[in-house]
């Protein structure tokens, strides 16, 4: 008798930002090593724009160095800072994703998060009857991200949430409970399993601004646009800059993501860097995962509005100041202190958090073998296209 050979499942993994890559590295590794998966990777968005990452952090370069094959670059981001530009980018993204899907002909598309580029990837796949696996659905937060996240959920077929509350929301949205899984947060697993970097990060090789010794006490700032508050972005980032400056603590400040309003933030950072001569801030692009986690483990306090201040830090116990509304509603641990755009209150909150020091490790986003379980479902789950409201 002839032996029946089961064809490999052709899986297309979409990466449109460096952060999404760094949070997915363990899942990618699991998929690559499975004998029943043929892995394709699409890299686009800010993940291929040099202005958003250090030269050592180019996603395609890292993937190729790690031995990944079948890597495709997709260029569809339009230059500009207005909401209309981001909206047109979604439209162009739908066209480009449709073309590359038609070329690859995947059995499944894997996407994560809530960014507008990912929305384009989901629209194209859904309309081409390609099953979608979505990571990180069901969360609650501020900005347009929440609307896009839930819209992506309704376009997707398999759901990997990061916590039980999010899982229940996805089910309440009418998704089939047999296809909704909470295996924990992939980014928390990356932090927990990433080998400790032996050498310290050499900050003189990247970034600009003040010199900083990472072996001593320092702050980290990750601050992104709030797309529903574009009229206040300039004022809000100046308030945060002034507050951080007043602490007189050495600070690593990462440039914002590509959302509408990012250029306004970048403008304020440049003006500050050029005109405030005695500041102690070093401005940075995104770094390779090991370097970023090495710094995150050692910072005295993370300030800003990034989800890294909610998820990764919950496991590390890093003190966090969550500024503004961007992460409103997200499940958070006791290490997070929320504060509005009040300079004096931000300064006070930072000083109190630094004085408090490390918090107990939280398991609110922790799973067991998260990447392995996600990869297993991606590879073996029975696929379907027609959705119905459960």
Protein backbone atom coordinates (compact mmCIF):
# COMPACT_ATOMS: atom_id res chain seq x y z
CA UNK A 1 0.00 0.00 0.00
CA UNK A 2 1.15 3.49 -0.79
CA UNK A 3 1.73 5.67 2.24
CA UNK A 4 -0.61 8.64 2.36
CA UNK A 5 1.31 11.89 2.65
CA UNK A 6 -0.57 14.65 4.44
CA UNK A 7 0.21 18.02 2.84
CA UNK A 8 1.72 20.68 5.04
CA UNK A 9 -0.54 23.52 6.13
CA UNK A 10 0.62 26.68 4.38
CA UNK A 11 0.63 29.38 7.09
CA UNK A 12 1.20 33.06 6.32
CA UNK A 13 2.36 35.09 9.37
CA UNK A 14 1.96 38.87 9.05
CA UNK A 15 4.35 41.28 10.84
CA UNK A 16 3.74 45.02 10.46
CA UNK A 17 5.69 46.45 13.39
CA UNK A 18 8.91 45.64 15.18
CA UNK A 19 7.07 45.23 18.49
CA UNK A 20 4.77 42.62 16.96
CA UNK A 21 7.81 40.74 15.69
CA UNK A 22 9.56 40.76 19.06
CA UNK A 23 6.40 39.56 20.78
CA UNK A 24 5.93 36.71 18.29
CA UNK A 25 9.44 35.27 18.08
CA UNK A 26 8.63 32.13 20.09
CA UNK A 27 5.50 31.43 18.03
CA UNK A 28 7.47 31.85 14.80
CA UNK A 29 10.12 29.44 16.06
CA UNK A 30 7.48 26.84 16.98
CA UNK A 31 5.85 27.14 13.56
CA UNK A 32 9.18 26.91 11.74
CA UNK A 33 10.13 23.67 13.48
CA UNK A 34 6.81 21.90 12.87
CA UNK A 35 6.89 19.30 10.10
CA UNK A 36 3.21 19.87 9.30
CA UNK A 37 3.59 23.63 8.60
CA UNK A 38 5.01 25.47 5.62
CA UNK A 39 5.71 28.93 7.03
CA UNK A 40 5.58 32.15 5.02
CA UNK A 41 6.28 35.56 6.58
CA UNK A 42 5.03 38.90 5.28
CA UNK A 43 6.93 41.89 6.68
CA UNK A 44 5.44 45.33 6.11
CA UNK A 45 4.41 48.58 7.77
CA UNK A 46 6.89 50.13 10.18
CA UNK A 47 8.76 46.82 10.40
CA UNK A 48 10.51 47.73 7.12
CA UNK A 49 10.86 51.49 7.69
CA UNK A 50 14.35 52.44 8.88
CA UNK A 51 13.12 55.57 10.67
CA UNK A 52 11.35 53.41 13.25
CA UNK A 53 14.11 51.01 14.27
CA UNK A 54 17.85 50.87 14.78
CA UNK A 55 19.81 49.32 11.89
CA UNK A 56 20.41 46.23 14.02
CA UNK A 57 16.66 45.79 14.46
CA UNK A 58 15.50 45.42 10.84
CA UNK A 59 13.01 42.59 11.04
CA UNK A 60 13.86 40.95 7.71
CA UNK A 61 17.58 41.08 8.51
CA UNK A 62 17.01 39.37 11.87
CA UNK A 63 14.71 36.73 10.36
CA UNK A 64 17.23 35.90 7.64
CA UNK A 65 20.05 35.68 10.17
CA UNK A 66 17.93 33.25 12.18
CA UNK A 67 17.44 31.06 9.11
CA UNK A 68 13.85 31.84 8.15
CA UNK A 69 12.84 31.36 4.51
CA UNK A 70 9.87 32.50 2.41
CA UNK A 71 10.05 36.11 3.60
CA UNK A 72 8.13 38.74 1.62
CA UNK A 73 8.25 42.53 2.04
CA UNK A 74 5.10 44.55 1.48
CA UNK A 75 5.34 48.32 0.93
CA UNK A 76 2.08 50.18 1.36
CA UNK A 77 2.55 52.84 4.07
CA UNK A 78 1.92 56.39 2.86
CA UNK A 79 3.93 59.29 4.28
CA UNK A 80 1.92 61.67 6.42
CA UNK A 81 0.57 62.19 9.89
CA UNK A 82 -3.15 62.77 9.39
CA UNK A 83 -5.98 60.34 9.96
CA UNK A 84 -6.86 60.49 6.25
CA UNK A 85 -3.33 59.27 5.39
CA UNK A 86 -3.66 56.29 7.72
CA UNK A 87 -7.09 55.55 6.29
CA UNK A 88 -5.75 55.61 2.73
CA UNK A 89 -2.88 53.38 3.89
CA UNK A 90 -5.46 50.80 4.98
CA UNK A 91 -6.97 50.92 1.50
CA UNK A 92 -3.61 50.50 -0.20
CA UNK A 93 -2.75 47.74 2.26
CA UNK A 94 -5.87 45.77 1.32
CA UNK A 95 -4.76 45.87 -2.33
CA UNK A 96 -1.19 44.79 -1.58
CA UNK A 97 -2.16 42.04 0.87
CA UNK A 98 -4.68 40.69 -1.63
CA UNK A 99 -1.95 40.47 -4.27
CA UNK A 100 0.54 38.68 -2.02
CA UNK A 101 -2.12 36.27 -0.70
CA UNK A 102 -3.05 35.46 -4.28
CA UNK A 103 0.60 34.67 -4.96
CA UNK A 104 1.26 32.58 -1.82
CA UNK A 105 -2.22 31.00 -1.63
CA UNK A 106 -2.04 30.28 2.12
CA UNK A 107 -4.32 27.92 3.99
CA UNK A 108 -4.34 30.37 6.91
CA UNK A 109 -3.24 33.91 7.74
CA UNK A 110 -1.97 34.68 11.26
CA UNK A 111 -2.21 38.26 12.52
CA UNK A 112 -1.91 39.93 15.88
CA UNK A 113 -3.02 43.08 17.60
CA UNK A 114 -5.09 46.03 16.55
CA UNK A 115 -3.07 48.33 14.30
CA UNK A 116 -4.52 49.77 11.11
CA UNK A 117 -2.03 47.85 8.93
CA UNK A 118 -3.27 44.60 10.50
CA UNK A 119 -6.85 45.63 9.75
CA UNK A 120 -5.91 45.79 6.07
CA UNK A 121 -4.40 42.28 6.26
CA UNK A 122 -7.60 40.96 7.86
CA UNK A 123 -9.95 42.59 5.33
CA UNK A 124 -8.02 41.12 2.41
CA UNK A 125 -7.88 37.60 3.88
CA UNK A 126 -11.54 37.54 4.92
CA UNK A 127 -12.72 38.63 1.48
CA UNK A 128 -10.54 35.99 -0.17
CA UNK A 129 -12.04 33.23 2.02
CA UNK A 130 -8.75 32.61 3.82
CA UNK A 131 -9.18 31.55 7.48
CA UNK A 132 -7.64 34.02 9.94
CA UNK A 133 -6.02 33.29 13.30
CA UNK A 134 -5.96 36.41 15.48
CA UNK A 135 -3.70 36.90 18.50
CA UNK A 136 -4.57 39.40 21.26
CA UNK A 137 -8.25 39.98 20.56
CA UNK A 138 -10.85 40.87 23.17
CA UNK A 139 -8.80 43.43 25.08
CA UNK A 140 -10.26 46.79 26.06
CA UNK A 141 -8.27 49.99 25.57
CA UNK A 142 -8.52 53.57 24.34
CA UNK A 143 -8.12 55.12 20.85
CA UNK A 144 -9.28 53.72 17.51
CA UNK A 145 -7.32 50.56 18.36
CA UNK A 146 -10.21 49.12 20.33
CA UNK A 147 -12.65 49.48 17.43
CA UNK A 148 -10.17 47.95 14.99
CA UNK A 149 -9.35 45.12 17.40
CA UNK A 150 -13.00 44.10 17.72
CA UNK A 151 -13.56 44.48 13.97
CA UNK A 152 -10.62 42.16 13.35
CA UNK A 153 -12.15 39.68 15.80
CA UNK A 154 -15.33 39.57 13.72
CA UNK A 155 -13.29 38.91 10.57
CA UNK A 156 -11.22 36.15 12.24
CA UNK A 157 -11.90 32.44 12.70
CA UNK A 158 -9.49 31.31 15.43
CA UNK A 159 -8.81 33.51 18.44
CA UNK A 160 -5.87 33.50 20.85
CA UNK A 161 -6.65 35.91 23.70
CA UNK A 162 -4.15 36.77 26.43
CA UNK A 163 -6.43 36.67 29.47
CA UNK A 164 -9.75 35.20 30.59
CA UNK A 165 -11.62 38.52 30.53
CA UNK A 166 -10.67 39.02 26.89
CA UNK A 167 -11.69 35.44 26.06
CA UNK A 168 -15.15 36.03 27.51
CA UNK A 169 -15.55 39.27 25.51
CA UNK A 170 -14.69 37.48 22.26
CA UNK A 171 -17.29 34.79 23.02
CA UNK A 172 -19.86 37.50 23.87
CA UNK A 173 -19.19 39.02 20.44
CA UNK A 174 -20.71 35.87 18.97
CA UNK A 175 -17.53 33.89 18.23
CA UNK A 176 -17.54 30.10 18.40
CA UNK A 177 -16.26 29.21 21.88
CA UNK A 178 -14.59 26.08 20.47
CA UNK A 179 -12.25 28.38 18.53
CA UNK A 180 -11.44 30.86 21.33
CA UNK A 181 -8.34 29.99 23.38
CA UNK A 182 -6.54 31.70 26.24
CA UNK A 183 -3.05 30.30 26.39
CA UNK A 184 -1.63 33.45 28.00
CA UNK A 185 0.34 36.35 26.56
CA UNK A 186 3.07 35.50 24.01
CA UNK A 187 5.04 38.61 25.01
CA UNK A 188 5.08 37.59 28.67
CA UNK A 189 6.40 34.19 27.64
CA UNK A 190 9.12 35.91 25.58
CA UNK A 191 10.16 37.93 28.64
CA UNK A 192 10.10 34.85 30.89
CA UNK A 193 12.09 32.63 28.50
CA UNK A 194 14.45 35.08 26.84
CA UNK A 195 18.00 34.19 27.95
CA UNK A 196 19.57 36.84 30.11
CA UNK A 197 21.84 38.98 27.97
CA UNK A 198 25.41 38.63 29.23
CA UNK A 199 26.65 41.96 27.85
CA UNK A 200 25.09 45.27 28.61
CA UNK A 201 23.50 47.32 25.83
CA UNK A 202 25.90 49.85 24.32
CA UNK A 203 23.70 52.92 24.02
CA UNK A 204 26.45 54.94 22.38
CA UNK A 205 26.04 52.87 19.21
CA UNK A 206 22.44 53.93 18.66
CA UNK A 207 20.13 56.80 19.51
CA UNK A 208 20.88 60.45 20.14
CA UNK A 209 20.78 62.96 22.96
CA UNK A 210 22.27 62.70 26.41
CA UNK A 211 24.73 59.95 27.32
CA UNK A 212 23.33 57.29 29.62
CA UNK A 213 24.90 54.53 31.70
CA UNK A 214 22.38 51.63 31.88
CA UNK A 215 24.21 50.11 34.83
CA UNK A 216 22.87 53.00 36.92
CA UNK A 217 19.33 54.12 37.75
CA UNK A 218 17.28 55.26 34.73
CA UNK A 219 13.72 55.74 33.45
CA UNK A 220 12.21 54.41 30.22
CA UNK A 221 9.50 56.25 28.27
CA UNK A 222 7.29 54.67 25.60
CA UNK A 223 4.68 57.17 24.50
CA UNK A 224 2.46 56.77 21.42
CA UNK A 225 -0.30 58.90 19.85
CA UNK A 226 -3.85 58.77 21.16
CA UNK A 227 -5.66 58.89 17.82
CA UNK A 228 -8.92 60.16 19.33
CA UNK A 229 -7.14 63.12 20.94
CA UNK A 230 -5.10 64.49 18.03
CA UNK A 231 -5.86 68.11 18.94
CA UNK A 232 -4.13 67.66 22.32
CA UNK A 233 -1.06 65.67 21.28
CA UNK A 234 1.43 68.56 21.23
CA UNK A 235 0.34 69.88 24.62
CA UNK A 236 0.26 66.41 26.18
CA UNK A 237 3.74 65.35 25.02
CA UNK A 238 5.20 68.69 26.21
CA UNK A 239 3.67 68.07 29.62
CA UNK A 240 5.23 64.61 29.76
CA UNK A 241 8.62 65.87 28.53
CA UNK A 242 8.69 68.62 31.15
CA UNK A 243 7.72 66.19 33.91
CA UNK A 244 10.41 63.66 32.99
CA UNK A 245 12.97 66.47 32.69
CA UNK A 246 12.08 67.74 36.17
CA UNK A 247 12.85 64.36 37.75
CA UNK A 248 16.50 64.88 36.67
CA UNK A 249 16.78 61.14 36.12
CA UNK A 250 18.64 59.67 33.12
CA UNK A 251 15.98 58.52 30.67
CA UNK A 252 15.67 56.33 27.58
CA UNK A 253 12.83 57.69 25.43
CA UNK A 254 11.64 55.58 22.48
CA UNK A 255 10.26 57.27 19.37
CA UNK A 256 6.50 56.78 18.81
CA UNK A 257 4.82 54.27 16.53
CA UNK A 258 3.38 55.12 13.09
CA UNK A 259 -0.17 56.06 14.17
CA UNK A 260 -1.76 59.39 13.27
CA UNK A 261 -0.14 62.03 15.48
CA UNK A 262 3.29 60.38 15.55
CA UNK A 263 4.92 63.22 13.61
CA UNK A 264 3.59 65.75 16.12
CA UNK A 265 5.17 63.78 18.95
CA UNK A 266 8.43 63.42 17.00
CA UNK A 267 8.46 67.16 16.34
CA UNK A 268 8.13 67.95 20.05
CA UNK A 269 10.91 65.49 20.89
CA UNK A 270 13.25 67.11 18.34
CA UNK A 271 12.48 70.62 19.59
CA UNK A 272 13.13 69.53 23.15
CA UNK A 273 16.38 67.77 22.24
CA UNK A 274 17.69 70.80 20.35
CA UNK A 275 16.65 73.57 22.74
CA UNK A 276 16.93 72.09 26.24
CA UNK A 277 20.66 71.91 26.78
CA UNK A 278 20.81 70.31 30.22
CA UNK A 279 18.39 67.42 29.63
CA UNK A 280 19.31 63.81 30.52
CA UNK A 281 17.22 62.01 27.87
CA UNK A 282 18.56 59.64 25.21
CA UNK A 283 16.14 59.17 22.32
CA UNK A 284 16.04 55.69 20.81
CA UNK A 285 14.57 53.66 17.96
CA UNK A 286 13.30 50.15 18.62
CA UNK A 287 15.97 47.64 19.62
CA UNK A 288 16.38 43.88 19.09
CA UNK A 289 14.31 41.90 21.63
CA UNK A 290 17.22 40.84 23.85
CA UNK A 291 18.48 44.43 24.12
CA UNK A 292 15.02 45.83 24.84
CA UNK A 293 14.21 43.23 27.47
CA UNK A 294 17.64 43.71 29.06
CA UNK A 295 16.83 47.41 29.49
CA UNK A 296 13.23 46.81 30.57
CA UNK A 297 14.37 44.45 33.33
CA UNK A 298 16.70 47.14 34.69
CA UNK A 299 14.69 50.33 34.42
CA UNK A 300 13.57 51.95 37.65
CA UNK A 301 10.22 52.88 36.11
CA UNK A 302 8.50 52.66 32.72
CA UNK A 303 6.52 55.81 31.87
CA UNK A 304 4.07 56.40 29.02
CA UNK A 305 1.13 54.63 27.41
CA UNK A 306 2.50 51.49 25.75
CA UNK A 307 0.92 48.07 26.29
CA UNK A 308 4.42 46.93 27.32
CA UNK A 309 3.68 48.86 30.51
CA UNK A 310 0.66 46.64 31.08
CA UNK A 311 1.73 43.16 29.97
CA UNK A 312 5.49 42.54 30.00
CA UNK A 313 6.02 44.62 33.15
CA UNK A 314 3.32 42.69 35.04
CA UNK A 315 5.58 39.63 34.95
CA UNK A 316 8.78 41.59 35.63
CA UNK A 317 7.30 43.65 38.46
CA UNK A 318 8.66 46.86 36.91
CA UNK A 319 7.00 50.00 38.32
CA UNK A 320 4.87 51.74 35.68
CA UNK A 321 3.28 55.16 35.25
CA UNK A 322 0.45 54.83 32.71
CA UNK A 323 -0.24 58.32 31.36
CA UNK A 324 -3.54 59.31 29.77
CA UNK A 325 -6.28 57.20 28.21
CA UNK A 326 -4.58 54.98 25.61
CA UNK A 327 -4.63 51.87 27.84
CA UNK A 328 -7.94 52.61 29.54
CA UNK A 329 -9.75 49.43 30.51
CA UNK A 330 -6.87 46.99 29.98
CA UNK A 331 -6.42 44.37 32.66
CA UNK A 332 -3.44 45.55 34.73
CA UNK A 333 -1.51 44.53 37.82
CA UNK A 334 -0.64 46.45 40.99
CA UNK A 335 2.61 47.72 39.44
CA UNK A 336 0.67 50.19 37.25
CA UNK A 337 -0.23 53.66 38.54
CA UNK A 338 -2.52 55.70 36.28
CA UNK A 339 -2.14 59.47 36.01
CA UNK A 340 -3.50 62.24 33.80
CA UNK A 341 -1.66 65.01 31.96
CA UNK A 342 -0.68 66.99 35.03
CA UNK A 343 3.02 67.79 35.23
CA UNK A 344 3.28 67.90 39.02
CA UNK A 345 1.32 64.67 39.46
CA UNK A 346 3.44 62.85 36.89
CA UNK A 347 6.63 63.94 38.67
CA UNK A 348 5.23 62.87 42.03
CA UNK A 349 4.05 59.52 40.65
CA UNK A 350 7.46 58.77 39.11
CA UNK A 351 9.29 59.58 42.33
CA UNK A 352 6.91 57.38 44.34
CA UNK A 353 7.25 54.46 41.94
CA UNK A 354 11.05 54.69 41.88
CA UNK A 355 11.07 54.80 45.67
CA UNK A 356 8.70 51.82 45.86
CA UNK A 357 10.92 49.62 43.69
CA UNK A 358 9.98 46.24 42.27
CA UNK A 359 6.49 44.78 42.66
CA UNK A 360 5.62 41.09 43.12
CA UNK A 361 5.47 39.04 39.93
CA UNK A 362 1.94 38.88 38.52
CA UNK A 363 0.53 35.95 36.56
CA UNK A 364 -2.51 37.75 35.08
CA UNK A 365 -1.06 37.36 31.55
CA UNK A 366 1.05 34.28 32.22
CA UNK A 367 0.37 30.99 30.49
CA UNK A 368 2.14 27.65 30.17
CA UNK A 369 3.83 26.81 26.86
CA UNK A 370 1.94 29.66 25.22
CA UNK A 371 3.77 29.67 21.89
CA UNK A 372 3.75 25.87 21.61
CA UNK A 373 0.00 25.68 22.20
CA UNK A 374 -0.76 28.49 19.75
CA UNK A 375 1.40 26.86 17.08
CA UNK A 376 -0.32 23.52 17.67
CA UNK A 377 -3.77 25.02 17.07
CA UNK A 378 -2.56 26.95 14.02
CA UNK A 379 -1.20 23.72 12.56
CA UNK A 380 -4.01 21.31 13.43
CA UNK A 381 -7.31 23.12 14.08
CA UNK A 382 -10.07 22.22 11.63
CA UNK A 383 -10.41 25.19 9.30
CA UNK A 384 -13.64 26.84 8.23
CA UNK A 385 -14.60 29.93 6.28
CA UNK A 386 -18.31 30.56 6.78
CA UNK A 387 -18.91 32.35 10.07
CA UNK A 388 -22.13 32.64 12.01
CA UNK A 389 -23.16 34.46 15.16
CA UNK A 390 -23.20 31.95 17.98
